[in-house]
Protein backbone atom coordinates (compact mmCIF):
# COMPACT_ATOMS: atom_id res chain seq x y z
CA MET A 1 130.95 130.03 193.22
CA ASP A 2 127.64 130.93 194.91
CA TYR A 3 125.75 133.38 192.87
CA GLY A 4 122.64 133.37 195.31
CA LEU A 5 120.69 131.37 192.60
CA GLU A 6 118.42 128.28 193.40
CA TRP A 7 118.75 126.07 190.41
CA SER A 8 115.74 124.03 191.72
CA ASP A 9 113.70 127.24 191.32
CA MET A 10 114.69 128.21 187.96
CA LEU A 11 113.77 127.07 184.35
CA LYS A 12 111.05 124.62 185.50
CA LEU A 13 108.57 123.33 183.20
CA THR A 14 105.10 124.07 184.24
CA ARG A 15 103.04 121.06 185.35
CA LYS A 16 100.94 121.48 182.28
CA ALA A 17 103.82 121.44 179.96
CA ASP A 18 105.15 118.28 181.82
CA TYR A 19 101.80 116.59 181.48
CA GLY A 20 101.82 117.46 177.83
CA LEU A 21 105.07 115.94 177.17
CA ILE A 22 103.99 112.77 179.14
CA ALA A 23 100.79 112.49 177.19
CA LEU A 24 102.61 112.97 173.84
CA ARG A 25 105.09 110.26 174.76
CA HIS A 26 102.17 107.96 175.66
CA LEU A 27 100.45 108.60 172.40
CA ALA A 28 103.66 108.06 170.40
CA ARG A 29 103.96 104.62 172.16
CA ASN A 30 100.25 103.88 171.64
CA ARG A 31 99.57 104.99 167.98
CA GLU A 32 96.04 103.91 167.85
CA GLY A 33 95.30 106.72 170.40
CA ALA A 34 93.90 107.07 173.92
CA SER A 35 91.34 109.09 175.82
CA ALA A 36 92.44 111.61 178.53
CA LYS A 37 90.95 109.37 181.09
CA GLU A 38 93.12 106.42 179.84
CA ILE A 39 96.38 108.52 179.94
CA ALA A 40 95.47 110.35 183.33
CA ALA A 41 94.85 106.85 184.86
CA CYS A 42 98.22 105.45 183.56
CA TYR A 43 100.25 108.31 185.16
CA GLY A 44 98.32 109.38 188.07
CA ILE A 45 97.45 112.80 186.51
CA PRO A 46 94.24 114.62 187.31
CA THR A 47 91.99 113.88 184.31
CA PRO A 48 90.38 117.46 184.21
CA LEU A 49 93.77 119.18 184.03
CA LEU A 50 95.05 116.58 181.46
CA ALA A 51 91.76 117.02 179.22
CA LYS A 52 92.67 120.83 179.07
CA VAL A 53 96.20 120.27 178.19
CA LEU A 54 95.11 117.90 175.39
CA GLN A 55 92.57 120.25 174.09
CA LYS A 56 95.21 122.98 173.87
CA LEU A 57 97.60 120.70 172.23
CA ALA A 58 94.75 119.68 169.72
CA ARG A 59 93.97 123.39 168.91
CA ASN A 60 97.59 123.98 168.21
CA GLY A 61 97.74 121.28 165.70
CA LEU A 62 99.81 118.62 167.68
CA LEU A 63 96.92 116.16 168.34
CA THR A 64 93.71 115.19 166.56
CA ALA A 65 90.68 114.57 168.67
CA ALA A 66 87.85 112.07 168.21
CA TYR A 67 84.74 112.90 170.20
CA GLY A 68 82.04 110.69 171.45
CA THR A 69 81.82 107.37 173.33
CA ASN A 70 85.03 105.99 171.69
CA GLY A 71 86.68 109.23 171.37
CA GLY A 72 90.30 110.06 172.28
CA TYR A 73 93.47 111.74 170.79
CA LYS A 74 96.09 110.79 168.50
CA LEU A 75 99.24 112.52 167.35
CA ALA A 76 98.62 114.73 164.41
CA ARG A 77 102.04 114.29 162.95
CA ASP A 78 104.79 111.61 163.11
CA PRO A 79 106.39 111.85 166.61
CA ARG A 80 109.89 112.41 164.93
CA THR A 81 108.56 115.82 163.50
CA ILE A 82 107.20 117.12 166.75
CA ASN A 83 109.73 118.63 169.15
CA ALA A 84 109.60 119.44 172.98
CA LEU A 85 109.80 123.13 172.23
CA GLU A 86 106.65 122.96 170.20
CA VAL A 87 104.79 121.32 172.95
CA VAL A 88 105.94 123.73 175.73
CA ARG A 89 105.12 126.75 173.60
CA ALA A 90 101.65 125.27 172.56
CA ILE A 91 100.94 124.85 176.38
CA ASP A 92 102.74 127.76 177.96
CA GLY A 93 103.50 130.30 175.22
CA PRO A 94 106.74 131.76 174.69
CA ILE A 95 109.59 130.62 176.96
CA VAL A 96 111.24 133.65 178.65
CA LEU A 97 114.31 133.45 180.66
CA THR A 98 114.12 137.19 181.80
CA SER A 99 112.06 140.22 180.88
CA CYS A 100 114.87 141.46 178.43
CA PHE A 101 113.69 138.68 176.03
CA THR A 102 110.02 139.59 175.89
CA GLN A 103 108.80 141.40 172.75
CA HIS A 104 108.75 144.59 174.55
CA GLY A 105 111.34 143.82 177.26
CA ARG A 106 113.92 146.47 178.10
CA CYS A 107 116.66 146.07 180.46
CA GLN A 108 115.59 148.02 183.63
CA THR A 109 119.27 147.77 185.11
CA VAL A 110 121.54 150.72 184.22
CA GLY A 111 124.81 149.32 183.12
CA CYS A 112 123.63 145.77 182.77
CA GLY A 113 126.16 143.58 181.24
CA VAL A 114 124.56 140.21 181.23
CA LYS A 115 122.08 140.62 178.58
CA GLU A 116 124.09 138.98 175.86
CA PRO A 117 125.37 136.11 177.97
CA LEU A 118 121.79 135.49 179.15
CA ARG A 119 120.63 135.65 175.45
CA LYS A 120 123.13 132.76 174.61
CA ILE A 121 121.71 130.70 177.45
CA HIS A 122 118.23 131.49 176.37
CA ASP A 123 119.03 130.37 172.87
CA GLY A 124 120.81 127.29 173.91
CA ILE A 125 117.73 126.13 176.06
CA LEU A 126 115.53 126.76 173.10
CA GLY A 127 117.79 124.87 170.88
CA LEU A 128 117.98 122.11 173.28
CA LEU A 129 114.28 121.67 173.53
CA GLU A 130 113.85 122.13 169.71
CA GLY A 131 116.31 119.26 169.24
CA ILE A 132 114.38 116.76 171.29
CA SER A 133 111.58 115.06 169.39
CA ILE A 134 108.72 113.28 170.74
CA SER A 135 109.85 110.10 169.18
CA GLU A 136 113.17 110.37 171.26
CA ILE A 137 111.20 111.04 174.49
CA ALA A 138 109.07 107.88 173.75
CA GLN A 139 112.10 105.56 173.35
CA ASP A 140 113.02 103.07 176.08
CA SER A 141 116.49 103.85 176.95
CA PRO A 142 118.75 104.39 179.95
CA GLN A 143 118.54 107.73 181.68
CA GLN A 144 120.06 110.17 179.21
CA THR A 145 122.17 113.01 180.30
CA VAL A 146 121.71 116.32 178.40
CA GLN A 147 124.46 118.74 178.41
CA LEU A 148 124.00 122.40 177.69
CA SER A 149 127.20 124.18 176.65
CA VAL A 150 127.61 127.92 177.32
CA VAL A 151 130.64 129.38 175.58
CA GLU A 152 132.31 132.39 177.35
CA THR A 153 133.35 135.36 175.20
CA SER A 154 135.98 137.68 176.04
């Protein structure tokens, strides 16, 4: 069925969140730490943008920062205890599928019947991100397929 939706334009991570996950993966694999410049060079990421992302992750308690000539970043916790949802929220704030799910969001459509099914999708996405640790992201493994189940209710 065609619902007029472009999946390529929906539910994208921001570039900053993507860079944050890449950096945490790198730091999980290199426990001695690394500078923003080193990480940026490894992945072709603009250093100033990555530096801002790493600073935000440090402010949110996911990284520790050492300043100075030999400065850099390290994971603040074991990578098994940091999940993808924490990283995305630290960088981008709350994940909102539709305006219905904001703190003050109210459905603007009279007779809208999709709020509850969308809530289930929203909760499934949050659960999926919460269930993926940085340790898992850092593992060398064949491409993994992630399946999100949406249960229809009658």
